[in-house]
Amino acid sequence: NVVVVGAQWGDEGKGKIVDWLSERA
């Protein structure tokens, strides 16, 4: 199980990465 967090002040590009991972979740 994977947690995705922004590691700066937000707006890091989480949307694309989450989408990329969500295909397999």
PDBML (XML) file of the C-alpha atoms, coordinates in Angstrom:
<?xml version="1.0" encoding="UTF-8" ?>
<PDBx:datablock datablockName="MODEL"
   xmlns:PDBx="http://pdbml.pdb.org/schema/pdbx-v50.xsd"
   xmlns:xsi="http://www.w3.org/2001/XMLSchema-instance"
   xsi:schemaLocation="http://pdbml.pdb.org/schema/pdbx-v50.xsd pdbx-v50.xsd">
   <PDBx:atom_siteCategory>
      <PDBx:atom_site id="1">
         <PDBx:B_iso_or_equiv>0.00</PDBx:B_iso_or_equiv>
         <PDBx:Cartn_x>0.000</PDBx:Cartn_x>
         <PDBx:Cartn_y>0.000</PDBx:Cartn_y>
         <PDBx:Cartn_z>0.000</PDBx:Cartn_z>
         <PDBx:auth_asym_id>A</PDBx:auth_asym_id>
         <PDBx:auth_atom_id>CA</PDBx:auth_atom_id>
         <PDBx:auth_comp_id>ASN</PDBx:auth_comp_id>
         <PDBx:auth_seq_id>1</PDBx:auth_seq_id>
         <PDBx:group_PDB>ATOM</PDBx:group_PDB>
         <PDBx:label_alt_id xsi:nil="true" />
         <PDBx:label_asym_id>A</PDBx:label_asym_id>
         <PDBx:label_atom_id>CA</PDBx:label_atom_id>
         <PDBx:label_comp_id>ASN</PDBx:label_comp_id>
         <PDBx:label_entity_id>1</PDBx:label_entity_id>
         <PDBx:label_seq_id>1</PDBx:label_seq_id>
         <PDBx:occupancy>1.00</PDBx:occupancy>
         <PDBx:pdbx_PDB_model_num>1</PDBx:pdbx_PDB_model_num>
         <PDBx:type_symbol>C</PDBx:type_symbol>
      </PDBx:atom_site>
      <PDBx:atom_site id="2">
         <PDBx:B_iso_or_equiv>0.00</PDBx:B_iso_or_equiv>
         <PDBx:Cartn_x>1.384</PDBx:Cartn_x>
         <PDBx:Cartn_y>3.373</PDBx:Cartn_y>
         <PDBx:Cartn_z>-1.035</PDBx:Cartn_z>
         <PDBx:auth_asym_id>A</PDBx:auth_asym_id>
         <PDBx:auth_atom_id>CA</PDBx:auth_atom_id>
         <PDBx:auth_comp_id>VAL</PDBx:auth_comp_id>
         <PDBx:auth_seq_id>2</PDBx:auth_seq_id>
         <PDBx:group_PDB>ATOM</PDBx:group_PDB>
         <PDBx:label_alt_id xsi:nil="true" />
         <PDBx:label_asym_id>A</PDBx:label_asym_id>
         <PDBx:label_atom_id>CA</PDBx:label_atom_id>
         <PDBx:label_comp_id>VAL</PDBx:label_comp_id>
         <PDBx:label_entity_id>1</PDBx:label_entity_id>
         <PDBx:label_seq_id>2</PDBx:label_seq_id>
         <PDBx:occupancy>1.00</PDBx:occupancy>
         <PDBx:pdbx_PDB_model_num>1</PDBx:pdbx_PDB_model_num>
         <PDBx:type_symbol>C</PDBx:type_symbol>
      </PDBx:atom_site>
      <PDBx:atom_site id="3">
         <PDBx:B_iso_or_equiv>0.00</PDBx:B_iso_or_equiv>
         <PDBx:Cartn_x>1.025</PDBx:Cartn_x>
         <PDBx:Cartn_y>6.886</PDBx:Cartn_y>
         <PDBx:Cartn_z>0.433</PDBx:Cartn_z>
         <PDBx:auth_asym_id>A</PDBx:auth_asym_id>
         <PDBx:auth_atom_id>CA</PDBx:auth_atom_id>
         <PDBx:auth_comp_id>VAL</PDBx:auth_comp_id>
         <PDBx:auth_seq_id>3</PDBx:auth_seq_id>
         <PDBx:group_PDB>ATOM</PDBx:group_PDB>
         <PDBx:label_alt_id xsi:nil="true" />
         <PDBx:label_asym_id>A</PDBx:label_asym_id>
         <PDBx:label_atom_id>CA</PDBx:label_atom_id>
         <PDBx:label_comp_id>VAL</PDBx:label_comp_id>
         <PDBx:label_entity_id>1</PDBx:label_entity_id>
         <PDBx:label_seq_id>3</PDBx:label_seq_id>
         <PDBx:occupancy>1.00</PDBx:occupancy>
         <PDBx:pdbx_PDB_model_num>1</PDBx:pdbx_PDB_model_num>
         <PDBx:type_symbol>C</PDBx:type_symbol>
      </PDBx:atom_site>
      <PDBx:atom_site id="4">
         <PDBx:B_iso_or_equiv>0.00</PDBx:B_iso_or_equiv>
         <PDBx:Cartn_x>1.618</PDBx:Cartn_x>
         <PDBx:Cartn_y>9.818</PDBx:Cartn_y>
         <PDBx:Cartn_z>-1.913</PDBx:Cartn_z>
         <PDBx:auth_asym_id>A</PDBx:auth_asym_id>
         <PDBx:auth_atom_id>CA</PDBx:auth_atom_id>
         <PDBx:auth_comp_id>VAL</PDBx:auth_comp_id>
         <PDBx:auth_seq_id>4</PDBx:auth_seq_id>
         <PDBx:group_PDB>ATOM</PDBx:group_PDB>
         <PDBx:label_alt_id xsi:nil="true" />
         <PDBx:label_asym_id>A</PDBx:label_asym_id>
         <PDBx:label_atom_id>CA</PDBx:label_atom_id>
         <PDBx:label_comp_id>VAL</PDBx:label_comp_id>
         <PDBx:label_entity_id>1</PDBx:label_entity_id>
         <PDBx:label_seq_id>4</PDBx:label_seq_id>
         <PDBx:occupancy>1.00</PDBx:occupancy>
         <PDBx:pdbx_PDB_model_num>1</PDBx:pdbx_PDB_model_num>
         <PDBx:type_symbol>C</PDBx:type_symbol>
      </PDBx:atom_site>
      <PDBx:atom_site id="5">
         <PDBx:B_iso_or_equiv>0.00</PDBx:B_iso_or_equiv>
         <PDBx:Cartn_x>2.571</PDBx:Cartn_x>
         <PDBx:Cartn_y>13.089</PDBx:Cartn_y>
         <PDBx:Cartn_z>-0.240</PDBx:Cartn_z>
         <PDBx:auth_asym_id>A</PDBx:auth_asym_id>
         <PDBx:auth_atom_id>CA</PDBx:auth_atom_id>
         <PDBx:auth_comp_id>VAL</PDBx:auth_comp_id>
         <PDBx:auth_seq_id>5</PDBx:auth_seq_id>
         <PDBx:group_PDB>ATOM</PDBx:group_PDB>
         <PDBx:label_alt_id xsi:nil="true" />
         <PDBx:label_asym_id>A</PDBx:label_asym_id>
         <PDBx:label_atom_id>CA</PDBx:label_atom_id>
         <PDBx:label_comp_id>VAL</PDBx:label_comp_id>
         <PDBx:label_entity_id>1</PDBx:label_entity_id>
         <PDBx:label_seq_id>5</PDBx:label_seq_id>
         <PDBx:occupancy>1.00</PDBx:occupancy>
         <PDBx:pdbx_PDB_model_num>1</PDBx:pdbx_PDB_model_num>
         <PDBx:type_symbol>C</PDBx:type_symbol>
      </PDBx:atom_site>
      <PDBx:atom_site id="6">
         <PDBx:B_iso_or_equiv>0.00</PDBx:B_iso_or_equiv>
         <PDBx:Cartn_x>3.737</PDBx:Cartn_x>
         <PDBx:Cartn_y>16.412</PDBx:Cartn_y>
         <PDBx:Cartn_z>-1.601</PDBx:Cartn_z>
         <PDBx:auth_asym_id>A</PDBx:auth_asym_id>
         <PDBx:auth_atom_id>CA</PDBx:auth_atom_id>
         <PDBx:auth_comp_id>GLY</PDBx:auth_comp_id>
         <PDBx:auth_seq_id>6</PDBx:auth_seq_id>
         <PDBx:group_PDB>ATOM</PDBx:group_PDB>
         <PDBx:label_alt_id xsi:nil="true" />
         <PDBx:label_asym_id>A</PDBx:label_asym_id>
         <PDBx:label_atom_id>CA</PDBx:label_atom_id>
         <PDBx:label_comp_id>GLY</PDBx:label_comp_id>
         <PDBx:label_entity_id>1</PDBx:label_entity_id>
         <PDBx:label_seq_id>6</PDBx:label_seq_id>
         <PDBx:occupancy>1.00</PDBx:occupancy>
         <PDBx:pdbx_PDB_model_num>1</PDBx:pdbx_PDB_model_num>
         <PDBx:type_symbol>C</PDBx:type_symbol>
      </PDBx:atom_site>
      <PDBx:atom_site id="7">
         <PDBx:B_iso_or_equiv>0.00</PDBx:B_iso_or_equiv>
         <PDBx:Cartn_x>7.203</PDBx:Cartn_x>
         <PDBx:Cartn_y>16.983</PDBx:Cartn_y>
         <PDBx:Cartn_z>-0.148</PDBx:Cartn_z>
         <PDBx:auth_asym_id>A</PDBx:auth_asym_id>
         <PDBx:auth_atom_id>CA</PDBx:auth_atom_id>
         <PDBx:auth_comp_id>ALA</PDBx:auth_comp_id>
         <PDBx:auth_seq_id>7</PDBx:auth_seq_id>
         <PDBx:group_PDB>ATOM</PDBx:group_PDB>
         <PDBx:label_alt_id xsi:nil="true" />
         <PDBx:label_asym_id>A</PDBx:label_asym_id>
         <PDBx:label_atom_id>CA</PDBx:label_atom_id>
         <PDBx:label_comp_id>ALA</PDBx:label_comp_id>
         <PDBx:label_entity_id>1</PDBx:label_entity_id>
         <PDBx:label_seq_id>7</PDBx:label_seq_id>
         <PDBx:occupancy>1.00</PDBx:occupancy>
         <PDBx:pdbx_PDB_model_num>1</PDBx:pdbx_PDB_model_num>
         <PDBx:type_symbol>C</PDBx:type_symbol>
      </PDBx:atom_site>
      <PDBx:atom_site id="8">
         <PDBx:B_iso_or_equiv>0.00</PDBx:B_iso_or_equiv>
         <PDBx:Cartn_x>7.426</PDBx:Cartn_x>
         <PDBx:Cartn_y>20.753</PDBx:Cartn_y>
         <PDBx:Cartn_z>-0.729</PDBx:Cartn_z>
         <PDBx:auth_asym_id>A</PDBx:auth_asym_id>
         <PDBx:auth_atom_id>CA</PDBx:auth_atom_id>
         <PDBx:auth_comp_id>GLN</PDBx:auth_comp_id>
         <PDBx:auth_seq_id>8</PDBx:auth_seq_id>
         <PDBx:group_PDB>ATOM</PDBx:group_PDB>
         <PDBx:label_alt_id xsi:nil="true" />
         <PDBx:label_asym_id>A</PDBx:label_asym_id>
         <PDBx:label_atom_id>CA</PDBx:label_atom_id>
         <PDBx:label_comp_id>GLN</PDBx:label_comp_id>
         <PDBx:label_entity_id>1</PDBx:label_entity_id>
         <PDBx:label_seq_id>8</PDBx:label_seq_id>
         <PDBx:occupancy>1.00</PDBx:occupancy>
         <PDBx:pdbx_PDB_model_num>1</PDBx:pdbx_PDB_model_num>
         <PDBx:type_symbol>C</PDBx:type_symbol>
      </PDBx:atom_site>
      <PDBx:atom_site id="9">
         <PDBx:B_iso_or_equiv>0.00</PDBx:B_iso_or_equiv>
         <PDBx:Cartn_x>4.738</PDBx:Cartn_x>
         <PDBx:Cartn_y>23.463</PDBx:Cartn_y>
         <PDBx:Cartn_z>-0.530</PDBx:Cartn_z>
         <PDBx:auth_asym_id>A</PDBx:auth_asym_id>
         <PDBx:auth_atom_id>CA</PDBx:auth_atom_id>
         <PDBx:auth_comp_id>TRP</PDBx:auth_comp_id>
         <PDBx:auth_seq_id>9</PDBx:auth_seq_id>
         <PDBx:group_PDB>ATOM</PDBx:group_PDB>
         <PDBx:label_alt_id xsi:nil="true" />
         <PDBx:label_asym_id>A</PDBx:label_asym_id>
         <PDBx:label_atom_id>CA</PDBx:label_atom_id>
         <PDBx:label_comp_id>TRP</PDBx:label_comp_id>
         <PDBx:label_entity_id>1</PDBx:label_entity_id>
         <PDBx:label_seq_id>9</PDBx:label_seq_id>
         <PDBx:occupancy>1.00</PDBx:occupancy>
         <PDBx:pdbx_PDB_model_num>1</PDBx:pdbx_PDB_model_num>
         <PDBx:type_symbol>C</PDBx:type_symbol>
      </PDBx:atom_site>
      <PDBx:atom_site id="10">
         <PDBx:B_iso_or_equiv>0.00</PDBx:B_iso_or_equiv>
         <PDBx:Cartn_x>2.232</PDBx:Cartn_x>
         <PDBx:Cartn_y>21.660</PDBx:Cartn_y>
         <PDBx:Cartn_z>-2.743</PDBx:Cartn_z>
         <PDBx:auth_asym_id>A</PDBx:auth_asym_id>
         <PDBx:auth_atom_id>CA</PDBx:auth_atom_id>
         <PDBx:auth_comp_id>GLY</PDBx:auth_comp_id>
         <PDBx:auth_seq_id>10</PDBx:auth_seq_id>
         <PDBx:group_PDB>ATOM</PDBx:group_PDB>
         <PDBx:label_alt_id xsi:nil="true" />
         <PDBx:label_asym_id>A</PDBx:label_asym_id>
         <PDBx:label_atom_id>CA</PDBx:label_atom_id>
         <PDBx:label_comp_id>GLY</PDBx:label_comp_id>
         <PDBx:label_entity_id>1</PDBx:label_entity_id>
         <PDBx:label_seq_id>10</PDBx:label_seq_id>
         <PDBx:occupancy>1.00</PDBx:occupancy>
         <PDBx:pdbx_PDB_model_num>1</PDBx:pdbx_PDB_model_num>
         <PDBx:type_symbol>C</PDBx:type_symbol>
      </PDBx:atom_site>
      <PDBx:atom_site id="11">
         <PDBx:B_iso_or_equiv>0.00</PDBx:B_iso_or_equiv>
         <PDBx:Cartn_x>1.762</PDBx:Cartn_x>
         <PDBx:Cartn_y>21.894</PDBx:Cartn_y>
         <PDBx:Cartn_z>-6.524</PDBx:Cartn_z>
         <PDBx:auth_asym_id>A</PDBx:auth_asym_id>
         <PDBx:auth_atom_id>CA</PDBx:auth_atom_id>
         <PDBx:auth_comp_id>ASP</PDBx:auth_comp_id>
         <PDBx:auth_seq_id>11</PDBx:auth_seq_id>
         <PDBx:group_PDB>ATOM</PDBx:group_PDB>
         <PDBx:label_alt_id xsi:nil="true" />
         <PDBx:label_asym_id>A</PDBx:label_asym_id>
         <PDBx:label_atom_id>CA</PDBx:label_atom_id>
         <PDBx:label_comp_id>ASP</PDBx:label_comp_id>
         <PDBx:label_entity_id>1</PDBx:label_entity_id>
         <PDBx:label_seq_id>11</PDBx:label_seq_id>
         <PDBx:occupancy>1.00</PDBx:occupancy>
         <PDBx:pdbx_PDB_model_num>1</PDBx:pdbx_PDB_model_num>
         <PDBx:type_symbol>C</PDBx:type_symbol>
      </PDBx:atom_site>
      <PDBx:atom_site id="12">
         <PDBx:B_iso_or_equiv>0.00</PDBx:B_iso_or_equiv>
         <PDBx:Cartn_x>4.533</PDBx:Cartn_x>
         <PDBx:Cartn_y>19.323</PDBx:Cartn_y>
         <PDBx:Cartn_z>-7.073</PDBx:Cartn_z>
         <PDBx:auth_asym_id>A</PDBx:auth_asym_id>
         <PDBx:auth_atom_id>CA</PDBx:auth_atom_id>
         <PDBx:auth_comp_id>GLU</PDBx:auth_comp_id>
         <PDBx:auth_seq_id>12</PDBx:auth_seq_id>
         <PDBx:group_PDB>ATOM</PDBx:group_PDB>
         <PDBx:label_alt_id xsi:nil="true" />
         <PDBx:label_asym_id>A</PDBx:label_asym_id>
         <PDBx:label_atom_id>CA</PDBx:label_atom_id>
         <PDBx:label_comp_id>GLU</PDBx:label_comp_id>
         <PDBx:label_entity_id>1</PDBx:label_entity_id>
         <PDBx:label_seq_id>12</PDBx:label_seq_id>
         <PDBx:occupancy>1.00</PDBx:occupancy>
         <PDBx:pdbx_PDB_model_num>1</PDBx:pdbx_PDB_model_num>
         <PDBx:type_symbol>C</PDBx:type_symbol>
      </PDBx:atom_site>
      <PDBx:atom_site id="13">
         <PDBx:B_iso_or_equiv>0.00</PDBx:B_iso_or_equiv>
         <PDBx:Cartn_x>2.712</PDBx:Cartn_x>
         <PDBx:Cartn_y>17.441</PDBx:Cartn_y>
         <PDBx:Cartn_z>-9.828</PDBx:Cartn_z>
         <PDBx:auth_asym_id>A</PDBx:auth_asym_id>
         <PDBx:auth_atom_id>CA</PDBx:auth_atom_id>
         <PDBx:auth_comp_id>GLY</PDBx:auth_comp_id>
         <PDBx:auth_seq_id>13</PDBx:auth_seq_id>
         <PDBx:group_PDB>ATOM</PDBx:group_PDB>
         <PDBx:label_alt_id xsi:nil="true" />
         <PDBx:label_asym_id>A</PDBx:label_asym_id>
         <PDBx:label_atom_id>CA</PDBx:label_atom_id>
         <PDBx:label_comp_id>GLY</PDBx:label_comp_id>
         <PDBx:label_entity_id>1</PDBx:label_entity_id>
         <PDBx:label_seq_id>13</PDBx:label_seq_id>
         <PDBx:occupancy>1.00</PDBx:occupancy>
         <PDBx:pdbx_PDB_model_num>1</PDBx:pdbx_PDB_model_num>
         <PDBx:type_symbol>C</PDBx:type_symbol>
      </PDBx:atom_site>
      <PDBx:atom_site id="14">
         <PDBx:B_iso_or_equiv>0.00</PDBx:B_iso_or_equiv>
         <PDBx:Cartn_x>0.939</PDBx:Cartn_x>
         <PDBx:Cartn_y>14.877</PDBx:Cartn_y>
         <PDBx:Cartn_z>-7.624</PDBx:Cartn_z>
         <PDBx:auth_asym_id>A</PDBx:auth_asym_id>
         <PDBx:auth_atom_id>CA</PDBx:auth_atom_id>
         <PDBx:auth_comp_id>LYS</PDBx:auth_comp_id>
         <PDBx:auth_seq_id>14</PDBx:auth_seq_id>
         <PDBx:group_PDB>ATOM</PDBx:group_PDB>
         <PDBx:label_alt_id xsi:nil="true" />
         <PDBx:label_asym_id>A</PDBx:label_asym_id>
         <PDBx:label_atom_id>CA</PDBx:label_atom_id>
         <PDBx:label_comp_id>LYS</PDBx:label_comp_id>
         <PDBx:label_entity_id>1</PDBx:label_entity_id>
         <PDBx:label_seq_id>14</PDBx:label_seq_id>
         <PDBx:occupancy>1.00</PDBx:occupancy>
         <PDBx:pdbx_PDB_model_num>1</PDBx:pdbx_PDB_model_num>
         <PDBx:type_symbol>C</PDBx:type_symbol>
      </PDBx:atom_site>
      <PDBx:atom_site id="15">
         <PDBx:B_iso_or_equiv>0.00</PDBx:B_iso_or_equiv>
         <PDBx:Cartn_x>-1.982</PDBx:Cartn_x>
         <PDBx:Cartn_y>14.555</PDBx:Cartn_y>
         <PDBx:Cartn_z>-10.051</PDBx:Cartn_z>
         <PDBx:auth_asym_id>A</PDBx:auth_asym_id>
         <PDBx:auth_atom_id>CA</PDBx:auth_atom_id>
         <PDBx:auth_comp_id>GLY</PDBx:auth_comp_id>
         <PDBx:auth_seq_id>15</PDBx:auth_seq_id>
         <PDBx:group_PDB>ATOM</PDBx:group_PDB>
         <PDBx:label_alt_id xsi:nil="true" />
         <PDBx:label_asym_id>A</PDBx:label_asym_id>
         <PDBx:label_atom_id>CA</PDBx:label_atom_id>
         <PDBx:label_comp_id>GLY</PDBx:label_comp_id>
         <PDBx:label_entity_id>1</PDBx:label_entity_id>
         <PDBx:label_seq_id>15</PDBx:label_seq_id>
         <PDBx:occupancy>1.00</PDBx:occupancy>
         <PDBx:pdbx_PDB_model_num>1</PDBx:pdbx_PDB_model_num>
         <PDBx:type_symbol>C</PDBx:type_symbol>
      </PDBx:atom_site>
      <PDBx:atom_site id="16">
         <PDBx:B_iso_or_equiv>0.00</PDBx:B_iso_or_equiv>
         <PDBx:Cartn_x>-0.023</PDBx:Cartn_x>
         <PDBx:Cartn_y>12.853</PDBx:Cartn_y>
         <PDBx:Cartn_z>-12.806</PDBx:Cartn_z>
         <PDBx:auth_asym_id>A</PDBx:auth_asym_id>
         <PDBx:auth_atom_id>CA</PDBx:auth_atom_id>
         <PDBx:auth_comp_id>LYS</PDBx:auth_comp_id>
         <PDBx:auth_seq_id>16</PDBx:auth_seq_id>
         <PDBx:group_PDB>ATOM</PDBx:group_PDB>
         <PDBx:label_alt_id xsi:nil="true" />
         <PDBx:label_asym_id>A</PDBx:label_asym_id>
         <PDBx:label_atom_id>CA</PDBx:label_atom_id>
         <PDBx:label_comp_id>LYS</PDBx:label_comp_id>
         <PDBx:label_entity_id>1</PDBx:label_entity_id>
         <PDBx:label_seq_id>16</PDBx:label_seq_id>
         <PDBx:occupancy>1.00</PDBx:occupancy>
         <PDBx:pdbx_PDB_model_num>1</PDBx:pdbx_PDB_model_num>
         <PDBx:type_symbol>C</PDBx:type_symbol>
      </PDBx:atom_site>
      <PDBx:atom_site id="17">
         <PDBx:B_iso_or_equiv>0.00</PDBx:B_iso_or_equiv>
         <PDBx:Cartn_x>1.874</PDBx:Cartn_x>
         <PDBx:Cartn_y>10.568</PDBx:Cartn_y>
         <PDBx:Cartn_z>-10.417</PDBx:Cartn_z>
         <PDBx:auth_asym_id>A</PDBx:auth_asym_id>
         <PDBx:auth_atom_id>CA</PDBx:auth_atom_id>
         <PDBx:auth_comp_id>ILE</PDBx:auth_comp_id>
         <PDBx:auth_seq_id>17</PDBx:auth_seq_id>
         <PDBx:group_PDB>ATOM</PDBx:group_PDB>
         <PDBx:label_alt_id xsi:nil="true" />
         <PDBx:label_asym_id>A</PDBx:label_asym_id>
         <PDBx:label_atom_id>CA</PDBx:label_atom_id>
         <PDBx:label_comp_id>ILE</PDBx:label_comp_id>
         <PDBx:label_entity_id>1</PDBx:label_entity_id>
         <PDBx:label_seq_id>17</PDBx:label_seq_id>
         <PDBx:occupancy>1.00</PDBx:occupancy>
         <PDBx:pdbx_PDB_model_num>1</PDBx:pdbx_PDB_model_num>
         <PDBx:type_symbol>C</PDBx:type_symbol>
      </PDBx:atom_site>
      <PDBx:atom_site id="18">
         <PDBx:B_iso_or_equiv>0.00</PDBx:B_iso_or_equiv>
         <PDBx:Cartn_x>-1.279</PDBx:Cartn_x>
         <PDBx:Cartn_y>9.560</PDBx:Cartn_y>
         <PDBx:Cartn_z>-8.530</PDBx:Cartn_z>
         <PDBx:auth_asym_id>A</PDBx:auth_asym_id>
         <PDBx:auth_atom_id>CA</PDBx:auth_atom_id>
         <PDBx:auth_comp_id>VAL</PDBx:auth_comp_id>
         <PDBx:auth_seq_id>18</PDBx:auth_seq_id>
         <PDBx:group_PDB>ATOM</PDBx:group_PDB>
         <PDBx:label_alt_id xsi:nil="true" />
         <PDBx:label_asym_id>A</PDBx:label_asym_id>
         <PDBx:label_atom_id>CA</PDBx:label_atom_id>
         <PDBx:label_comp_id>VAL</PDBx:label_comp_id>
         <PDBx:label_entity_id>1</PDBx:label_entity_id>
         <PDBx:label_seq_id>18</PDBx:label_seq_id>
         <PDBx:occupancy>1.00</PDBx:occupancy>
         <PDBx:pdbx_PDB_model_num>1</PDBx:pdbx_PDB_model_num>
         <PDBx:type_symbol>C</PDBx:type_symbol>
      </PDBx:atom_site>
      <PDBx:atom_site id="19">
         <PDBx:B_iso_or_equiv>0.00</PDBx:B_iso_or_equiv>
         <PDBx:Cartn_x>-3.007</PDBx:Cartn_x>
         <PDBx:Cartn_y>8.847</PDBx:Cartn_y>
         <PDBx:Cartn_z>-11.812</PDBx:Cartn_z>
         <PDBx:auth_asym_id>A</PDBx:auth_asym_id>
         <PDBx:auth_atom_id>CA</PDBx:auth_atom_id>
         <PDBx:auth_comp_id>ASP</PDBx:auth_comp_id>
         <PDBx:auth_seq_id>19</PDBx:auth_seq_id>
         <PDBx:group_PDB>ATOM</PDBx:group_PDB>
         <PDBx:label_alt_id xsi:nil="true" />
         <PDBx:label_asym_id>A</PDBx:label_asym_id>
         <PDBx:label_atom_id>CA</PDBx:label_atom_id>
         <PDBx:label_comp_id>ASP</PDBx:label_comp_id>
         <PDBx:label_entity_id>1</PDBx:label_entity_id>
         <PDBx:label_seq_id>19</PDBx:label_seq_id>
         <PDBx:occupancy>1.00</PDBx:occupancy>
         <PDBx:pdbx_PDB_model_num>1</PDBx:pdbx_PDB_model_num>
         <PDBx:type_symbol>C</PDBx:type_symbol>
      </PDBx:atom_site>
      <PDBx:atom_site id="20">
         <PDBx:B_iso_or_equiv>0.00</PDBx:B_iso_or_equiv>
         <PDBx:Cartn_x>-0.026</PDBx:Cartn_x>
         <PDBx:Cartn_y>6.833</PDBx:Cartn_y>
         <PDBx:Cartn_z>-13.003</PDBx:Cartn_z>
         <PDBx:auth_asym_id>A</PDBx:auth_asym_id>
         <PDBx:auth_atom_id>CA</PDBx:auth_atom_id>
         <PDBx:auth_comp_id>TRP</PDBx:auth_comp_id>
         <PDBx:auth_seq_id>20</PDBx:auth_seq_id>
         <PDBx:group_PDB>ATOM</PDBx:group_PDB>
         <PDBx:label_alt_id xsi:nil="true" />
         <PDBx:label_asym_id>A</PDBx:label_asym_id>
         <PDBx:label_atom_id>CA</PDBx:label_atom_id>
         <PDBx:label_comp_id>TRP</PDBx:label_comp_id>
         <PDBx:label_entity_id>1</PDBx:label_entity_id>
         <PDBx:label_seq_id>20</PDBx:label_seq_id>
         <PDBx:occupancy>1.00</PDBx:occupancy>
         <PDBx:pdbx_PDB_model_num>1</PDBx:pdbx_PDB_model_num>
         <PDBx:type_symbol>C</PDBx:type_symbol>
      </PDBx:atom_site>
      <PDBx:atom_site id="21">
         <PDBx:B_iso_or_equiv>0.00</PDBx:B_iso_or_equiv>
         <PDBx:Cartn_x>-0.120</PDBx:Cartn_x>
         <PDBx:Cartn_y>4.761</PDBx:Cartn_y>
         <PDBx:Cartn_z>-9.807</PDBx:Cartn_z>
         <PDBx:auth_asym_id>A</PDBx:auth_asym_id>
         <PDBx:auth_atom_id>CA</PDBx:auth_atom_id>
         <PDBx:auth_comp_id>LEU</PDBx:auth_comp_id>
         <PDBx:auth_seq_id>21</PDBx:auth_seq_id>
         <PDBx:group_PDB>ATOM</PDBx:group_PDB>
         <PDBx:label_alt_id xsi:nil="true" />
         <PDBx:label_asym_id>A</PDBx:label_asym_id>
         <PDBx:label_atom_id>CA</PDBx:label_atom_id>
         <PDBx:label_comp_id>LEU</PDBx:label_comp_id>
         <PDBx:label_entity_id>1</PDBx:label_entity_id>
         <PDBx:label_seq_id>21</PDBx:label_seq_id>
         <PDBx:occupancy>1.00</PDBx:occupancy>
         <PDBx:pdbx_PDB_model_num>1</PDBx:pdbx_PDB_model_num>
         <PDBx:type_symbol>C</PDBx:type_symbol>
      </PDBx:atom_site>
      <PDBx:atom_site id="22">
         <PDBx:B_iso_or_equiv>0.00</PDBx:B_iso_or_equiv>
         <PDBx:Cartn_x>-3.905</PDBx:Cartn_x>
         <PDBx:Cartn_y>4.547</PDBx:Cartn_y>
         <PDBx:Cartn_z>-9.573</PDBx:Cartn_z>
         <PDBx:auth_asym_id>A</PDBx:auth_asym_id>
         <PDBx:auth_atom_id>CA</PDBx:auth_atom_id>
         <PDBx:auth_comp_id>SER</PDBx:auth_comp_id>
         <PDBx:auth_seq_id>22</PDBx:auth_seq_id>
         <PDBx:group_PDB>ATOM</PDBx:group_PDB>
         <PDBx:label_alt_id xsi:nil="true" />
         <PDBx:label_asym_id>A</PDBx:label_asym_id>
         <PDBx:label_atom_id>CA</PDBx:label_atom_id>
         <PDBx:label_comp_id>SER</PDBx:label_comp_id>
         <PDBx:label_entity_id>1</PDBx:label_entity_id>
         <PDBx:label_seq_id>22</PDBx:label_seq_id>
         <PDBx:occupancy>1.00</PDBx:occupancy>
         <PDBx:pdbx_PDB_model_num>1</PDBx:pdbx_PDB_model_num>
         <PDBx:type_symbol>C</PDBx:type_symbol>
      </PDBx:atom_site>
      <PDBx:atom_site id="23">
         <PDBx:B_iso_or_equiv>0.00</PDBx:B_iso_or_equiv>
         <PDBx:Cartn_x>-4.073</PDBx:Cartn_x>
         <PDBx:Cartn_y>2.392</PDBx:Cartn_y>
         <PDBx:Cartn_z>-12.676</PDBx:Cartn_z>
         <PDBx:auth_asym_id>A</PDBx:auth_asym_id>
         <PDBx:auth_atom_id>CA</PDBx:auth_atom_id>
         <PDBx:auth_comp_id>GLU</PDBx:auth_comp_id>
         <PDBx:auth_seq_id>23</PDBx:auth_seq_id>
         <PDBx:group_PDB>ATOM</PDBx:group_PDB>
         <PDBx:label_alt_id xsi:nil="true" />
         <PDBx:label_asym_id>A</PDBx:label_asym_id>
         <PDBx:label_atom_id>CA</PDBx:label_atom_id>
         <PDBx:label_comp_id>GLU</PDBx:label_comp_id>
         <PDBx:label_entity_id>1</PDBx:label_entity_id>
         <PDBx:label_seq_id>23</PDBx:label_seq_id>
         <PDBx:occupancy>1.00</PDBx:occupancy>
         <PDBx:pdbx_PDB_model_num>1</PDBx:pdbx_PDB_model_num>
         <PDBx:type_symbol>C</PDBx:type_symbol>
      </PDBx:atom_site>
      <PDBx:atom_site id="24">
         <PDBx:B_iso_or_equiv>0.00</PDBx:B_iso_or_equiv>
         <PDBx:Cartn_x>-2.583</PDBx:Cartn_x>
         <PDBx:Cartn_y>-0.433</PDBx:Cartn_y>
         <PDBx:Cartn_z>-10.600</PDBx:Cartn_z>
         <PDBx:auth_asym_id>A</PDBx:auth_asym_id>
         <PDBx:auth_atom_id>CA</PDBx:auth_atom_id>
         <PDBx:auth_comp_id>ARG</PDBx:auth_comp_id>
         <PDBx:auth_seq_id>24</PDBx:auth_seq_id>
         <PDBx:group_PDB>ATOM</PDBx:group_PDB>
         <PDBx:label_alt_id xsi:nil="true" />
         <PDBx:label_asym_id>A</PDBx:label_asym_id>
         <PDBx:label_atom_id>CA</PDBx:label_atom_id>
         <PDBx:label_comp_id>ARG</PDBx:label_comp_id>
         <PDBx:label_entity_id>1</PDBx:label_entity_id>
         <PDBx:label_seq_id>24</PDBx:label_seq_id>
         <PDBx:occupancy>1.00</PDBx:occupancy>
         <PDBx:pdbx_PDB_model_num>1</PDBx:pdbx_PDB_model_num>
         <PDBx:type_symbol>C</PDBx:type_symbol>
      </PDBx:atom_site>
      <PDBx:atom_site id="25">
         <PDBx:B_iso_or_equiv>0.00</PDBx:B_iso_or_equiv>
         <PDBx:Cartn_x>-4.355</PDBx:Cartn_x>
         <PDBx:Cartn_y>0.313</PDBx:Cartn_y>
         <PDBx:Cartn_z>-7.319</PDBx:Cartn_z>
         <PDBx:auth_asym_id>A</PDBx:auth_asym_id>
         <PDBx:auth_atom_id>CA</PDBx:auth_atom_id>
         <PDBx:auth_comp_id>ALA</PDBx:auth_comp_id>
         <PDBx:auth_seq_id>25</PDBx:auth_seq_id>
         <PDBx:group_PDB>ATOM</PDBx:group_PDB>
         <PDBx:label_alt_id xsi:nil="true" />
         <PDBx:label_asym_id>A</PDBx:label_asym_id>
         <PDBx:label_atom_id>CA</PDBx:label_atom_id>
         <PDBx:label_comp_id>ALA</PDBx:label_comp_id>
         <PDBx:label_entity_id>1</PDBx:label_entity_id>
         <PDBx:label_seq_id>25</PDBx:label_seq_id>
         <PDBx:occupancy>1.00</PDBx:occupancy>
         <PDBx:pdbx_PDB_model_num>1</PDBx:pdbx_PDB_model_num>
         <PDBx:type_symbol>C</PDBx:type_symbol>
      </PDBx:atom_site>
   </PDBx:atom_siteCategory>
</PDBx:datablock>
